[in-house]
Amino acid sequence: MMVLSVGFPGFPYGAVYFRKSNPPAADWERDYGVAAEDGHNVFRHWFMWSAVEVAPGVFDWGDYDRQLELAAANGISTIIAEMMTSAPEWAFARLAHARFERRDGSRVESQAVRRWVGSRGCVWTTMMPGSWRGTS
């Protein structure tokens, strides 16, 4: 793990703020201002692989760039929580052999699918290719 602490506050006081698409972009500027007024000096953001590498070799840093710009403008430091375990959908199709496995070689399937597949009132809004295999 590499840790960079340039300009990090002596006593960090803040919150986890940005997880791709939440909160909505219309709220960011206001939220940073209010956080700074309330004495927050650090935000942690989830930099999810699935949100950054939108296609093989194609990176979208726009939302993350804006988060760091707002942090700098409001005197708030940033902790980057790099989430490499949130693979993009294209990777599941292209790298199906690279799924998580247990020591015995069996694949780790989605526990959410296993628990709630077929439940009434359950709507799946993000399905990854192949996540239904072996769960019915």
Protein backbone atom coordinates (compact mmCIF):
# COMPACT_ATOMS: atom_id res chain seq x y z
CA MET A 1 0.00 0.00 0.00
CA MET A 2 1.32 3.42 -0.91
CA VAL A 3 0.32 6.32 1.31
CA LEU A 4 0.80 9.92 0.29
CA SER A 5 0.26 12.48 3.03
CA VAL A 6 1.21 15.79 1.44
CA GLY A 7 -0.77 18.51 3.17
CA PHE A 8 -2.78 16.05 5.27
CA PRO A 9 -4.31 17.61 8.40
CA GLY A 10 -2.77 16.84 11.80
CA PHE A 11 -6.17 15.79 13.14
CA PRO A 12 -8.37 14.49 10.33
CA TYR A 13 -12.07 15.22 10.74
CA GLY A 14 -14.40 14.30 7.93
CA ALA A 15 -16.41 11.60 6.22
CA VAL A 16 -16.70 9.21 3.33
CA TYR A 17 -18.27 11.41 0.71
CA PHE A 18 -18.16 10.24 -2.90
CA ARG A 19 -19.09 6.81 -4.21
CA LYS A 20 -19.63 7.07 -7.96
CA SER A 21 -23.09 8.53 -8.66
CA ASN A 22 -23.82 9.25 -5.00
CA PRO A 23 -24.39 12.00 -4.01
CA PRO A 24 -25.62 13.64 -7.24
CA ALA A 25 -23.33 16.14 -8.95
CA ALA A 26 -25.79 18.99 -8.33
CA ASP A 27 -25.04 18.70 -4.58
CA TRP A 28 -21.23 18.59 -4.63
CA GLU A 29 -20.34 22.29 -4.50
CA ARG A 30 -22.84 22.98 -1.72
CA ASP A 31 -21.79 19.92 0.27
CA TYR A 32 -18.11 20.83 0.15
CA GLY A 33 -18.88 24.36 1.29
CA VAL A 34 -21.04 23.19 4.19
CA ALA A 35 -18.48 20.57 5.19
CA ALA A 36 -15.71 23.19 5.26
CA GLU A 37 -17.91 25.56 7.29
CA ASP A 38 -18.58 22.73 9.76
CA GLY A 39 -14.84 22.14 10.22
CA HIS A 40 -14.36 19.05 8.05
CA ASN A 41 -10.82 18.87 6.76
CA VAL A 42 -10.80 15.50 4.99
CA PHE A 43 -13.08 13.44 2.75
CA ARG A 44 -12.52 9.85 1.70
CA HIS A 45 -13.65 8.87 -1.80
CA TRP A 46 -14.10 5.42 -3.27
CA PHE A 47 -12.20 5.30 -6.57
CA MET A 48 -13.85 2.22 -8.05
CA TRP A 49 -12.15 0.45 -10.94
CA SER A 50 -15.58 -0.19 -12.47
CA ALA A 51 -16.34 3.53 -12.54
CA VAL A 52 -12.94 4.62 -13.86
CA GLU A 53 -12.01 2.14 -16.61
CA VAL A 54 -15.26 2.26 -18.57
CA ALA A 55 -13.86 0.15 -21.41
CA PRO A 56 -10.54 -1.66 -21.78
CA GLY A 57 -7.90 1.09 -21.64
CA VAL A 58 -10.51 3.90 -21.61
CA PHE A 59 -10.53 5.92 -18.39
CA ASP A 60 -13.11 8.44 -17.20
CA TRP A 61 -11.64 10.59 -14.41
CA GLY A 62 -14.12 13.50 -14.77
CA ASP A 63 -16.12 13.04 -11.56
CA TYR A 64 -13.01 12.27 -9.53
CA ASP A 65 -11.16 15.30 -10.93
CA ARG A 66 -14.09 17.47 -9.87
CA GLN A 67 -14.02 16.01 -6.34
CA LEU A 68 -10.35 16.91 -5.93
CA GLU A 69 -10.91 20.40 -7.39
CA LEU A 70 -13.72 21.06 -4.90
CA ALA A 71 -11.62 19.69 -2.05
CA ALA A 72 -8.73 22.02 -2.91
CA ALA A 73 -11.06 25.01 -3.24
CA ASN A 74 -12.50 24.31 0.22
CA GLY A 75 -9.30 23.40 2.06
CA ILE A 76 -10.29 19.74 2.40
CA SER A 77 -7.75 16.94 2.03
CA THR A 78 -8.65 13.74 0.20
CA ILE A 79 -8.15 10.09 1.08
CA ILE A 80 -8.37 7.96 -2.04
CA ALA A 81 -9.79 4.51 -1.32
CA GLU A 82 -8.88 2.55 -4.45
CA MET A 83 -11.46 -0.20 -4.95
CA MET A 84 -9.83 -2.70 -7.30
CA THR A 85 -12.30 -5.40 -6.29
CA SER A 86 -15.18 -3.62 -8.03
CA ALA A 87 -14.38 -4.85 -11.51
CA PRO A 88 -16.04 -3.24 -14.53
CA GLU A 89 -18.73 -5.21 -16.34
CA TRP A 90 -16.58 -5.58 -19.46
CA ALA A 91 -13.96 -7.40 -17.37
CA PHE A 92 -16.40 -10.15 -16.34
CA ALA A 93 -17.03 -11.06 -19.97
CA ARG A 94 -13.46 -10.61 -21.13
CA LEU A 95 -11.72 -12.12 -18.10
CA ALA A 96 -14.23 -14.72 -16.88
CA HIS A 97 -11.34 -16.94 -15.77
CA ALA A 98 -10.21 -14.25 -13.30
CA ARG A 99 -13.17 -14.43 -10.89
CA PHE A 100 -12.54 -14.84 -7.18
CA GLU A 101 -11.99 -18.44 -6.14
CA ARG A 102 -11.84 -20.25 -2.83
CA ARG A 103 -8.86 -22.38 -1.82
CA ASP A 104 -10.66 -25.46 -3.16
CA GLY A 105 -10.99 -23.82 -6.61
CA SER A 106 -14.74 -23.22 -6.45
CA ARG A 107 -15.91 -19.83 -7.69
CA VAL A 108 -17.26 -17.15 -5.41
CA GLU A 109 -20.67 -16.20 -6.79
CA SER A 110 -22.74 -13.18 -5.81
CA GLN A 111 -24.20 -13.76 -2.37
CA ALA A 112 -26.89 -11.15 -3.06
CA VAL A 113 -28.09 -13.10 -6.10
CA ARG A 114 -27.96 -16.35 -4.15
CA ARG A 115 -30.02 -14.84 -1.30
CA TRP A 116 -32.66 -12.86 -3.19
CA VAL A 117 -33.01 -14.38 -6.66
CA GLY A 118 -36.71 -14.76 -7.40
CA SER A 119 -37.83 -12.68 -4.41
CA ARG A 120 -40.99 -10.64 -4.82
CA GLY A 121 -40.36 -6.92 -5.00
CA CYS A 122 -36.66 -7.38 -5.75
CA VAL A 123 -35.43 -5.42 -8.76
CA TRP A 124 -31.93 -6.03 -10.11
CA THR A 125 -30.58 -2.84 -11.61
CA THR A 126 -26.99 -3.94 -12.22
CA MET A 127 -26.33 -7.45 -13.35
CA MET A 128 -22.91 -8.55 -14.42
CA PRO A 129 -22.67 -11.03 -17.29
CA GLY A 130 -22.59 -14.55 -15.94
CA SER A 131 -23.62 -13.68 -12.38
CA TRP A 132 -26.69 -15.93 -12.61
CA ARG A 133 -24.65 -19.05 -13.45
CA GLY A 134 -24.98 -21.72 -10.81
CA THR A 135 -27.42 -19.76 -8.68
CA SER A 136 -30.83 -21.09 -9.75
